[in-house]
Amino acid sequence: MMINLKRLMETINTSAAIGATENGGLYRLTLSKEDTEMRATFVQWLETADLQVTVDDFGNIYGRREGTKPDLSP
């Protein structure tokens, strides 16, 4: 298995652009529009990877792919 460097850099650059500051920093406070945008982007990435997306009561986002033996624990 090899890392797709182009895709990895696109992911990093997309993430870094959401909430980017003029001096090269990142400003993405919880519940801000930048946080909401990043969360939506992350969910989109998970869905594109055909993962089942769930969000818990604390706002943690999970992506899960069913295994070949679904009766086993994750």
N, C-alpha and C. Protein backbone atom coordinates (compact mmCIF):
# COMPACT_ATOMS: atom_id res chain seq x y z
N MET A 1 0.85 -1.16 0.00
CA MET A 1 0.00 0.00 0.00
C MET A 1 0.90 1.24 0.00
N MET A 2 0.58 2.21 -0.86
CA MET A 2 1.40 3.42 -0.94
C MET A 2 0.54 4.64 -0.66
N ILE A 3 1.16 5.65 -0.10
CA ILE A 3 0.47 6.91 0.15
C ILE A 3 0.38 7.68 -1.15
N ASN A 4 -0.82 8.20 -1.44
CA ASN A 4 -1.02 9.06 -2.60
C ASN A 4 -0.63 10.47 -2.16
N LEU A 5 0.62 10.87 -2.46
CA LEU A 5 1.15 12.13 -1.99
C LEU A 5 0.33 13.32 -2.49
N LYS A 6 -0.10 13.29 -3.73
CA LYS A 6 -0.89 14.39 -4.28
C LYS A 6 -2.19 14.56 -3.48
N ARG A 7 -2.88 13.46 -3.23
CA ARG A 7 -4.14 13.52 -2.48
C ARG A 7 -3.89 13.97 -1.04
N LEU A 8 -2.83 13.47 -0.42
CA LEU A 8 -2.49 13.87 0.94
C LEU A 8 -2.25 15.38 1.02
N MET A 9 -1.49 15.92 0.09
CA MET A 9 -1.20 17.36 0.10
C MET A 9 -2.46 18.18 -0.16
N GLU A 10 -3.34 17.69 -1.03
CA GLU A 10 -4.61 18.39 -1.25
C GLU A 10 -5.44 18.42 0.03
N THR A 11 -5.45 17.31 0.75
CA THR A 11 -6.18 17.24 2.02
C THR A 11 -5.60 18.21 3.03
N ILE A 12 -4.29 18.22 3.16
CA ILE A 12 -3.64 19.12 4.11
C ILE A 12 -3.89 20.57 3.72
N ASN A 13 -3.73 20.91 2.46
CA ASN A 13 -3.91 22.28 2.01
C ASN A 13 -5.36 22.74 2.15
N THR A 14 -6.31 21.87 1.87
CA THR A 14 -7.72 22.22 2.05
C THR A 14 -8.01 22.49 3.52
N SER A 15 -7.53 21.61 4.38
CA SER A 15 -7.74 21.78 5.82
C SER A 15 -7.07 23.06 6.32
N ALA A 16 -5.86 23.32 5.87
CA ALA A 16 -5.11 24.50 6.33
C ALA A 16 -5.74 25.80 5.86
N ALA A 17 -6.46 25.76 4.75
CA ALA A 17 -7.08 26.98 4.22
C ALA A 17 -8.32 27.39 5.00
N ILE A 18 -8.95 26.45 5.66
CA ILE A 18 -10.18 26.73 6.41
C ILE A 18 -9.80 27.35 7.75
N GLY A 19 -10.02 28.63 7.87
CA GLY A 19 -9.66 29.35 9.09
C GLY A 19 -8.24 29.89 9.10
N ALA A 20 -7.60 29.91 7.93
CA ALA A 20 -6.23 30.41 7.85
C ALA A 20 -6.18 31.90 8.20
N THR A 21 -5.11 32.30 8.88
CA THR A 21 -4.90 33.71 9.22
C THR A 21 -3.86 34.31 8.28
N GLU A 22 -3.78 35.62 8.27
CA GLU A 22 -2.85 36.32 7.38
C GLU A 22 -1.39 36.00 7.67
N ASN A 23 -1.07 35.70 8.94
CA ASN A 23 0.33 35.45 9.30
C ASN A 23 0.72 33.97 9.27
N GLY A 24 -0.09 33.16 8.61
CA GLY A 24 0.23 31.74 8.45
C GLY A 24 -0.30 30.84 9.55
N GLY A 25 -1.12 31.40 10.43
CA GLY A 25 -1.69 30.60 11.50
C GLY A 25 -3.05 30.02 11.13
N LEU A 26 -3.71 29.50 12.12
CA LEU A 26 -5.02 28.88 11.93
C LEU A 26 -5.92 29.31 13.07
N TYR A 27 -7.12 29.76 12.73
CA TYR A 27 -8.09 30.23 13.72
C TYR A 27 -9.42 29.55 13.42
N ARG A 28 -9.72 28.50 14.20
CA ARG A 28 -10.92 27.70 13.94
C ARG A 28 -11.53 27.32 15.28
N LEU A 29 -12.21 28.26 15.91
CA LEU A 29 -12.82 28.02 17.21
C LEU A 29 -14.01 27.08 17.09
N THR A 30 -14.25 26.32 18.14
CA THR A 30 -15.40 25.43 18.19
C THR A 30 -16.68 26.22 17.95
N LEU A 31 -17.55 25.68 17.12
CA LEU A 31 -18.85 26.24 16.77
C LEU A 31 -18.77 27.49 15.89
N SER A 32 -17.59 27.87 15.44
CA SER A 32 -17.46 28.99 14.50
C SER A 32 -17.82 28.51 13.10
N LYS A 33 -17.97 29.47 12.18
CA LYS A 33 -18.28 29.06 10.80
C LYS A 33 -17.13 28.26 10.20
N GLU A 34 -15.89 28.56 10.61
CA GLU A 34 -14.73 27.80 10.13
C GLU A 34 -14.76 26.36 10.66
N ASP A 35 -15.13 26.21 11.91
CA ASP A 35 -15.25 24.87 12.50
C ASP A 35 -16.33 24.08 11.78
N THR A 36 -17.46 24.71 11.55
CA THR A 36 -18.57 24.06 10.84
C THR A 36 -18.15 23.66 9.43
N GLU A 37 -17.43 24.54 8.75
CA GLU A 37 -16.96 24.25 7.39
C GLU A 37 -15.98 23.08 7.39
N MET A 38 -15.05 23.05 8.35
CA MET A 38 -14.07 21.95 8.41
C MET A 38 -14.75 20.63 8.73
N ARG A 39 -15.71 20.66 9.65
CA ARG A 39 -16.44 19.44 10.00
C ARG A 39 -17.20 18.91 8.79
N ALA A 40 -17.86 19.80 8.05
CA ALA A 40 -18.59 19.38 6.84
C ALA A 40 -17.64 18.80 5.80
N THR A 41 -16.47 19.42 5.66
CA THR A 41 -15.47 18.92 4.71
C THR A 41 -14.99 17.53 5.12
N PHE A 42 -14.72 17.36 6.41
CA PHE A 42 -14.26 16.06 6.91
C PHE A 42 -15.31 14.98 6.69
N VAL A 43 -16.56 15.30 6.97
CA VAL A 43 -17.65 14.35 6.74
C VAL A 43 -17.73 13.99 5.26
N GLN A 44 -17.56 14.98 4.40
CA GLN A 44 -17.58 14.72 2.95
C GLN A 44 -16.45 13.76 2.57
N TRP A 45 -15.26 13.96 3.14
CA TRP A 45 -14.14 13.05 2.85
C TRP A 45 -14.46 11.64 3.30
N LEU A 46 -15.05 11.49 4.47
CA LEU A 46 -15.42 10.16 4.96
C LEU A 46 -16.45 9.50 4.06
N GLU A 47 -17.46 10.28 3.65
CA GLU A 47 -18.50 9.73 2.77
C GLU A 47 -17.92 9.35 1.41
N THR A 48 -17.00 10.15 0.91
CA THR A 48 -16.35 9.84 -0.37
C THR A 48 -15.58 8.52 -0.28
N ALA A 49 -15.06 8.22 0.91
CA ALA A 49 -14.35 6.96 1.14
C ALA A 49 -15.31 5.82 1.46
N ASP A 50 -16.61 6.05 1.29
CA ASP A 50 -17.65 5.04 1.54
C ASP A 50 -17.65 4.56 2.98
N LEU A 51 -17.44 5.47 3.92
CA LEU A 51 -17.50 5.14 5.33
C LEU A 51 -18.86 5.56 5.90
N GLN A 52 -19.32 4.82 6.88
CA GLN A 52 -20.53 5.18 7.61
C GLN A 52 -20.13 6.25 8.62
N VAL A 53 -20.78 7.41 8.55
CA VAL A 53 -20.41 8.54 9.40
C VAL A 53 -21.37 8.65 10.58
N THR A 54 -20.80 8.79 11.77
CA THR A 54 -21.59 9.06 12.96
C THR A 54 -20.91 10.18 13.74
N VAL A 55 -21.73 10.93 14.47
CA VAL A 55 -21.23 12.00 15.33
C VAL A 55 -21.82 11.75 16.71
N ASP A 56 -20.94 11.72 17.73
CA ASP A 56 -21.44 11.47 19.08
C ASP A 56 -21.94 12.76 19.74
N ASP A 57 -22.41 12.64 20.98
CA ASP A 57 -22.98 13.78 21.69
C ASP A 57 -21.97 14.88 21.97
N PHE A 58 -20.69 14.57 21.90
CA PHE A 58 -19.64 15.57 22.14
C PHE A 58 -19.15 16.21 20.86
N GLY A 59 -19.65 15.75 19.72
CA GLY A 59 -19.25 16.30 18.43
C GLY A 59 -18.11 15.57 17.75
N ASN A 60 -17.65 14.46 18.35
CA ASN A 60 -16.61 13.66 17.69
C ASN A 60 -17.19 13.00 16.45
N ILE A 61 -16.44 13.03 15.37
CA ILE A 61 -16.88 12.47 14.09
C ILE A 61 -16.14 11.17 13.86
N TYR A 62 -16.90 10.13 13.51
CA TYR A 62 -16.33 8.81 13.26
C TYR A 62 -16.69 8.34 11.86
N GLY A 63 -15.75 7.69 11.21
CA GLY A 63 -16.01 7.03 9.93
C GLY A 63 -15.74 5.55 10.10
N ARG A 64 -16.68 4.73 9.66
CA ARG A 64 -16.53 3.28 9.84
C ARG A 64 -16.90 2.54 8.57
N ARG A 65 -16.07 1.57 8.25
CA ARG A 65 -16.34 0.68 7.12
C ARG A 65 -16.61 -0.69 7.68
N GLU A 66 -17.71 -1.28 7.27
CA GLU A 66 -18.08 -2.63 7.73
C GLU A 66 -17.00 -3.60 7.26
N GLY A 67 -16.61 -4.49 8.15
CA GLY A 67 -15.60 -5.49 7.82
C GLY A 67 -16.20 -6.65 7.05
N THR A 68 -15.34 -7.60 6.72
CA THR A 68 -15.82 -8.77 5.98
C THR A 68 -16.55 -9.75 6.89
N LYS A 69 -16.40 -9.55 8.22
CA LYS A 69 -17.11 -10.38 9.19
C LYS A 69 -17.87 -9.45 10.15
N PRO A 70 -19.02 -8.95 9.70
CA PRO A 70 -19.75 -7.94 10.46
C PRO A 70 -20.23 -8.38 11.83
N ASP A 71 -20.23 -9.68 12.12
CA ASP A 71 -20.67 -10.17 13.43
C ASP A 71 -19.58 -10.00 14.49
N LEU A 72 -18.35 -9.67 14.07
CA LEU A 72 -17.25 -9.45 15.02
C LEU A 72 -17.26 -8.00 15.51
N SER A 73 -16.69 -7.77 16.69
CA SER A 73 -16.56 -6.42 17.22
C SER A 73 -15.62 -5.60 16.36
N PRO A 74 -15.80 -4.28 16.34
CA PRO A 74 -14.87 -3.43 15.57
C PRO A 74 -13.45 -3.53 16.12
